[in-house]
C-alpha atoms as a PDB file:
ATOM      1  CA  MET A   1      24.909 -64.334 -67.404  1.00  0.00           C
ATOM      2  CA  THR A   2      23.793 -60.608 -68.398  1.00  0.00           C
ATOM      3  CA  THR A   3      23.661 -59.840 -64.641  1.00  0.00           C
ATOM      4  CA  ALA A   4      27.242 -60.843 -64.200  1.00  0.00           C
ATOM      5  CA  ARG A   5      28.125 -58.931 -67.354  1.00  0.00           C
ATOM      6  CA  GLY A   6      26.384 -55.840 -66.146  1.00  0.00           C
ATOM      7  CA  PHE A   7      28.015 -56.200 -62.786  1.00  0.00           C
ATOM      8  CA  SER A   8      31.474 -56.687 -64.245  1.00  0.00           C
ATOM      9  CA  LYS A   9      30.971 -53.506 -66.423  1.00  0.00           C
ATOM     10  CA  ILE A  10      30.085 -51.422 -63.181  1.00  0.00           C
ATOM     11  CA  ILE A  11      33.142 -52.719 -61.512  1.00  0.00           C
ATOM     12  CA  ILE A  12      35.404 -51.838 -64.425  1.00  0.00           C
ATOM     13  CA  LEU A  13      33.750 -48.250 -64.751  1.00  0.00           C
ATOM     14  CA  LEU A  14      34.317 -47.753 -60.944  1.00  0.00           C
ATOM     15  CA  LEU A  15      37.852 -48.901 -61.084  1.00  0.00           C
ATOM     16  CA  LEU A  16      38.673 -46.494 -63.979  1.00  0.00           C
ATOM     17  CA  PHE A  17      36.810 -43.672 -62.316  1.00  0.00           C
ATOM     18  CA  PHE A  18      39.041 -44.309 -59.090  1.00  0.00           C
ATOM     19  CA  ILE A  19      42.209 -44.736 -61.063  1.00  0.00           C
ATOM     20  CA  SER A  20      41.474 -41.462 -63.133  1.00  0.00           C
ATOM     21  CA  ALA A  21      40.619 -39.558 -59.861  1.00  0.00           C
ATOM     22  CA  TYR A  22      43.926 -40.871 -58.226  1.00  0.00           C
ATOM     23  CA  ILE A  23      45.980 -39.821 -61.374  1.00  0.00           C
ATOM     24  CA  ALA A  24      44.238 -36.362 -61.358  1.00  0.00           C
ATOM     25  CA  MET A  25      45.078 -35.802 -57.679  1.00  0.00           C
ATOM     26  CA  ALA A  26      48.713 -36.768 -58.227  1.00  0.00           C
ATOM     27  CA  TYR A  27      49.056 -34.806 -61.324  1.00  0.00           C
ATOM     28  CA  PHE A  28      47.529 -31.668 -59.445  1.00  0.00           C
ATOM     29  CA  GLN A  29      49.361 -32.591 -56.215  1.00  0.00           C
ATOM     30  CA  VAL A  30      45.813 -32.430 -54.393  1.00  0.00           C
ATOM     31  CA  THR A  31      45.120 -34.603 -51.612  1.00  0.00           C
ATOM     32  CA  PRO A  32      41.740 -35.205 -49.870  1.00  0.00           C
ATOM     33  CA  HIS A  33      43.198 -33.275 -46.915  1.00  0.00           C
ATOM     34  CA  SER A  34      44.275 -30.297 -49.115  1.00  0.00           C
ATOM     35  CA  VAL A  35      40.674 -30.338 -50.643  1.00  0.00           C
ATOM     36  CA  ARG A  36      39.133 -30.222 -47.142  1.00  0.00           C
ATOM     37  CA  ASP A  37      41.680 -27.520 -45.874  1.00  0.00           C
ATOM     38  CA  ALA A  38      40.857 -25.462 -48.871  1.00  0.00           C
ATOM     39  CA  ILE A  39      37.042 -25.762 -48.293  1.00  0.00           C
ATOM     40  CA  ARG A  40      37.710 -24.781 -44.700  1.00  0.00           C
ATOM     41  CA  THR A  41      39.820 -21.756 -45.541  1.00  0.00           C
ATOM     42  CA  THR A  42      37.502 -20.524 -47.972  1.00  0.00           C
ATOM     43  CA  GLY A  43      34.571 -20.940 -45.565  1.00  0.00           C
ATOM     44  CA  ARG A  44      36.355 -19.202 -42.649  1.00  0.00           C
ATOM     45  CA  SER A  45      37.448 -16.300 -45.186  1.00  0.00           C
ATOM     46  CA  LEU A  46      33.816 -15.891 -46.124  1.00  0.00           C
ATOM     47  CA  ILE A  47      32.639 -16.121 -42.592  1.00  0.00           C
ATOM     48  CA  GLY A  48      35.549 -13.577 -41.565  1.00  0.00           C
ATOM     49  CA  ASP A  49      34.522 -11.240 -44.298  1.00  0.00           C
ATOM     50  CA  ALA A  50      31.054 -11.192 -43.124  1.00  0.00           C
ATOM     51  CA  ARG A  51      31.765 -10.738 -39.468  1.00  0.00           C
ATOM     52  CA  ASP A  52      34.128  -7.828 -40.517  1.00  0.00           C
ATOM     53  CA  ALA A  53      31.408  -6.252 -42.438  1.00  0.00           C
ATOM     54  CA  ALA A  54      29.072  -6.738 -39.529  1.00  0.00           C
ATOM     55  CA  VAL A  55      31.627  -5.266 -37.096  1.00  0.00           C
ATOM     56  CA  ASP A  56      32.188  -2.195 -39.476  1.00  0.00           C
ATOM     57  CA  ARG A  57      28.375  -1.404 -39.728  1.00  0.00           C
ATOM     58  CA  ALA A  58      28.127  -1.834 -35.925  1.00  0.00           C
ATOM     59  CA  VAL A  59      31.127   0.597 -35.232  1.00  0.00           C
ATOM     60  CA  GLU A  60      29.647   2.997 -37.753  1.00  0.00           C
ATOM     61  CA  GLU A  61      26.052   2.933 -36.199  1.00  0.00           C
ATOM     62  CA  GLY A  62      27.747   3.421 -32.710  1.00  0.00           C
ATOM     63  CA  ARG A  63      29.558   6.518 -34.016  1.00  0.00           C
ATOM     64  CA  GLN A  64      26.327   7.756 -35.424  1.00  0.00           C
ATOM     65  CA  ALA A  65      24.466   7.177 -32.159  1.00  0.00           C
ATOM     66  CA  VAL A  66      27.328   8.809 -30.195  1.00  0.00           C
ATOM     67  CA  GLY A  67      27.251  11.783 -32.495  1.00  0.00           C
ATOM     68  CA  GLU A  68      23.488  12.183 -32.116  1.00  0.00           C
ATOM     69  CA  LYS A  69      23.665  11.793 -28.353  1.00  0.00           C
ATOM     70  CA  LEU A  70      26.252  14.467 -28.249  1.00  0.00           C
ATOM     71  CA  LYS A  71      24.357  16.788 -30.486  1.00  0.00           C
ATOM     72  CA  SER A  72      21.361  16.227 -28.294  1.00  0.00           C
ATOM     73  CA  THR A  73      23.199  16.907 -25.095  1.00  0.00           C
ATOM     74  CA  GLY A  74      24.506  20.212 -26.733  1.00  0.00           C
ATOM     75  CA  GLU A  75      21.038  21.233 -27.599  1.00  0.00           C
ATOM     76  CA  LYS A  76      19.672  20.558 -24.110  1.00  0.00           C
ATOM     77  CA  ILE A  77      22.583  22.499 -22.688  1.00  0.00           C
ATOM     78  CA  LEU A  78      22.602  25.367 -25.159  1.00  0.00           C
ATOM     79  CA  GLY A  79      19.095  25.412 -26.526  1.00  0.00           C
ATOM     80  CA  THR A  80      20.487  25.201 -30.033  1.00  0.00           C
ATOM     81  CA  ASP A  81      21.578  22.716 -32.496  1.00  0.00           C
ATOM     82  CA  ALA A  82      25.138  24.385 -32.647  1.00  0.00           C
ATOM     83  CA  PRO A  83      28.276  22.195 -32.369  1.00  0.00           C
ATOM     84  CA  PRO A  84      30.063  22.000 -29.009  1.00  0.00           C
ATOM     85  CA  GLY A  85      32.664  24.843 -29.515  1.00  0.00           C
ATOM     86  CA  GLN A  86      30.290  27.931 -28.761  1.00  0.00           C
ATOM     87  CA  PHE A  87      30.351  31.719 -28.659  1.00  0.00           C
ATOM     88  CA  THR A  88      27.360  32.535 -26.515  1.00  0.00           C
ATOM     89  CA  SER A  89      26.085  34.773 -23.546  1.00  0.00           C
ATOM     90  CA  TYR A  90      27.540  34.099 -20.066  1.00  0.00           C
ATOM     91  CA  THR A  91      25.569  32.098 -17.683  1.00  0.00           C
ATOM     92  CA  THR A  92      26.834  30.318 -14.672  1.00  0.00           C
ATOM     93  CA  ASP A  93      25.677  26.838 -15.720  1.00  0.00           C
ATOM     94  CA  LEU A  94      27.863  26.990 -18.922  1.00  0.00           C
ATOM     95  CA  VAL A  95      31.113  27.560 -17.149  1.00  0.00           C
ATOM     96  CA  GLY A  96      32.973  24.244 -17.166  1.00  0.00           C
ATOM     97  CA  VAL A  97      30.799  22.610 -19.828  1.00  0.00           C
ATOM     98  CA  GLN A  98      33.995  22.289 -22.026  1.00  0.00           C
ATOM     99  CA  PRO A  99      37.472  21.543 -20.955  1.00  0.00           C
ATOM    100  CA  TYR A 100      38.334  25.444 -21.835  1.00  0.00           C
ATOM    101  CA  THR A 101      35.934  28.237 -21.103  1.00  0.00           C
ATOM    102  CA  ILE A 102      36.841  31.668 -22.000  1.00  0.00           C
ATOM    103  CA  ILE A 103      34.901  34.531 -20.465  1.00  0.00           C
ATOM    104  CA  PHE A 104      34.998  37.571 -22.432  1.00  0.00           C
ATOM    105  CA  PHE A 105      34.066  40.725 -20.906  1.00  0.00           C
ATOM    106  CA  THR A 106      32.406  43.435 -23.142  1.00  0.00           C
ATOM    107  CA  GLY A 107      31.261  46.935 -22.313  1.00  0.00           C
ATOM    108  CA  THR A 108      28.349  48.687 -24.088  1.00  0.00           C
ATOM    109  CA  SER A 109      30.565  51.744 -24.926  1.00  0.00           C
ATOM    110  CA  CYS A 110      33.616  49.703 -25.768  1.00  0.00           C
ATOM    111  CA  THR A 111      34.425  49.779 -29.411  1.00  0.00           C
ATOM    112  CA  VAL A 112      37.192  47.413 -29.269  1.00  0.00           C
ATOM    113  CA  CYS A 113      34.778  44.876 -27.481  1.00  0.00           C
ATOM    114  CA  ALA A 114      32.238  45.473 -30.523  1.00  0.00           C
ATOM    115  CA  ALA A 115      35.033  44.732 -32.974  1.00  0.00           C
ATOM    116  CA  VAL A 116      36.256  41.666 -31.386  1.00  0.00           C
ATOM    117  CA  HIS A 117      32.595  40.531 -30.838  1.00  0.00           C
ATOM    118  CA  ALA A 118      32.206  40.784 -34.552  1.00  0.00           C
ATOM    119  CA  HIS A 119      35.173  38.995 -35.433  1.00  0.00           C
ATOM    120  CA  ILE A 120      34.623  36.133 -33.023  1.00  0.00           C
ATOM    121  CA  ASN A 121      30.886  35.924 -34.173  1.00  0.00           C
ATOM    122  CA  SER A 122      31.929  35.747 -38.009  1.00  0.00           C
ATOM    123  CA  HIS A 123      34.566  33.088 -37.307  1.00  0.00           C
ATOM    124  CA  ARG A 124      32.537  31.009 -34.628  1.00  0.00           C
ATOM    125  CA  ASP A 125      32.912  27.947 -36.795  1.00  0.00           C
ATOM    126  CA  ALA A 126      36.592  28.019 -36.119  1.00  0.00           C
ATOM    127  CA  ILE A 127      36.097  27.540 -32.368  1.00  0.00           C
ATOM    128  CA  PRO A 128      37.520  24.163 -31.277  1.00  0.00           C
ATOM    129  CA  HIS A 129      34.899  21.720 -29.776  1.00  0.00           C
ATOM    130  CA  ASP A 130      36.635  21.823 -26.558  1.00  0.00           C
ATOM    131  CA  VAL A 131      36.450  25.483 -26.166  1.00  0.00           C
ATOM    132  CA  MET A 132      33.471  27.713 -25.086  1.00  0.00           C
ATOM    133  CA  ILE A 133      33.643  31.458 -25.309  1.00  0.00           C
ATOM    134  CA  LEU A 134      31.226  33.162 -23.089  1.00  0.00           C
ATOM    135  CA  GLU A 135      30.409  36.934 -23.377  1.00  0.00           C
ATOM    136  CA  ALA A 136      29.960  38.663 -20.130  1.00  0.00           C
ATOM    137  CA  SER A 137      28.649  42.048 -19.467  1.00  0.00           C
ATOM    138  CA  TYR A 138      31.271  44.533 -18.076  1.00  0.00           C
ATOM    139  CA  ASP A 139      28.508  46.524 -17.136  1.00  0.00           C
ATOM    140  CA  ASP A 140      27.166  43.869 -14.579  1.00  0.00           C
ATOM    141  CA  ASP A 141      28.767  45.087 -11.345  1.00  0.00           C
ATOM    142  CA  ALA A 142      28.409  41.931  -9.485  1.00  0.00           C
ATOM    143  CA  LEU A 143      29.966  39.788 -12.225  1.00  0.00           C
ATOM    144  CA  ARG A 144      32.803  42.348 -12.732  1.00  0.00           C
ATOM    145  CA  GLN A 145      33.560  42.209  -9.024  1.00  0.00           C
ATOM    146  CA  GLU A 146      33.128  38.431  -8.777  1.00  0.00           C
ATOM    147  CA  PHE A 147      35.861  38.156 -11.422  1.00  0.00           C
ATOM    148  CA  ALA A 148      37.947  41.107 -10.367  1.00  0.00           C
ATOM    149  CA  VAL A 149      37.748  42.653 -13.770  1.00  0.00           C
ATOM    150  CA  HIS A 150      38.943  46.485 -13.977  1.00  0.00           C
ATOM    151  CA  GLU A 151      38.524  47.043 -17.946  1.00  0.00           C
ATOM    152  CA  PRO A 152      36.432  45.660 -20.655  1.00  0.00           C
ATOM    153  CA  ALA A 153      37.749  43.607 -23.385  1.00  0.00           C
ATOM    154  CA  THR A 154      39.216  41.327 -20.713  1.00  0.00           C
ATOM    155  CA  PHE A 155      39.474  37.582 -21.367  1.00  0.00           C
ATOM    156  CA  ILE A 156      39.585  34.958 -18.560  1.00  0.00           C
ATOM    157  CA  LEU A 157      40.342  31.307 -19.182  1.00  0.00           C
ATOM    158  CA  VAL A 158      38.653  28.895 -16.602  1.00  0.00           C
ATOM    159  CA  ASP A 159      38.863  25.193 -16.179  1.00  0.00           C
ATOM    160  CA  HIS A 160      35.913  22.767 -15.597  1.00  0.00           C
ATOM    161  CA  ALA A 161      35.562  23.895 -11.859  1.00  0.00           C
ATOM    162  CA  GLY A 162      35.552  27.463 -12.860  1.00  0.00           C
ATOM    163  CA  SER A 163      39.042  28.230 -11.553  1.00  0.00           C
ATOM    164  CA  GLU A 164      40.933  31.003 -13.278  1.00  0.00           C
ATOM    165  CA  MET A 165      43.920  29.724 -15.370  1.00  0.00           C
ATOM    166  CA  LYS A 166      44.765  32.747 -17.163  1.00  0.00           C
ATOM    167  CA  ARG A 167      43.713  36.345 -17.868  1.00  0.00           C
ATOM    168  CA  TRP A 168      44.667  38.959 -20.521  1.00  0.00           C
ATOM    169  CA  THR A 169      43.551  41.875 -22.565  1.00  0.00           C
ATOM    170  CA  ASN A 170      44.021  43.678 -25.729  1.00  0.00           C
ATOM    171  CA  THR A 171      43.267  40.636 -28.146  1.00  0.00           C
ATOM    172  CA  HIS A 172      41.364  41.521 -31.290  1.00  0.00           C
ATOM    173  CA  THR A 173      41.081  38.265 -33.177  1.00  0.00           C
ATOM    174  CA  LEU A 174      39.689  34.866 -32.543  1.00  0.00           C
ATOM    175  CA  ASP A 175      43.156  33.304 -33.444  1.00  0.00           C
ATOM    176  CA  ALA A 176      44.579  35.565 -30.792  1.00  0.00           C
ATOM    177  CA  VAL A 177      42.045  34.454 -28.310  1.00  0.00           C
ATOM    178  CA  LEU A 178      42.611  30.584 -29.045  1.00  0.00           C
ATOM    179  CA  SER A 179      46.261  31.065 -28.911  1.00  0.00           C
ATOM    180  CA  GLU A 180      45.990  31.658 -25.146  1.00  0.00           C
ATOM    181  CA  VAL A 181      44.283  28.096 -24.687  1.00  0.00           C
ATOM    182  CA  PRO A 182      46.884  25.557 -23.613  1.00  0.00           C
ATOM    183  CA  ARG A 183      47.383  22.673 -26.290  1.00  0.00           C
END
């Protein structure tokens, strides 16, 4: 008889548990499906957040790698660790490295050239990344003839292929030089 009594108590407790669970679900308007859906939504949200964080990390690592590669390429081309926008001496292999190359012809006895050189050099960090200013010697007869330059302090804007796009003189500041570059 004791086993039947123990068994009856277990059945009664189970019935009370299920009834109270049913009442709680009805009171809170919770169904087994909504609990399952809530768990799925929370799981998906957590997985989505982790995935987004992983994507963000990968994008940042990619940006850093590209930046390092650009810097490395610039160092190989220019032999320095300077940024892509440059003010350096003219060499034929630098023409067309950037979308816009400005060749600045300077003469040794040209005071205007010396002043412009000093101004550009002191503001070289303002040269955009897509512009390279190459300082060429007006005293080099072959170079002067190649570009048909007739006076020092002459600026020539060339494209990637080295074709002349524009020519001007009497410019005294970096801002004035850069204002000639099409934007």
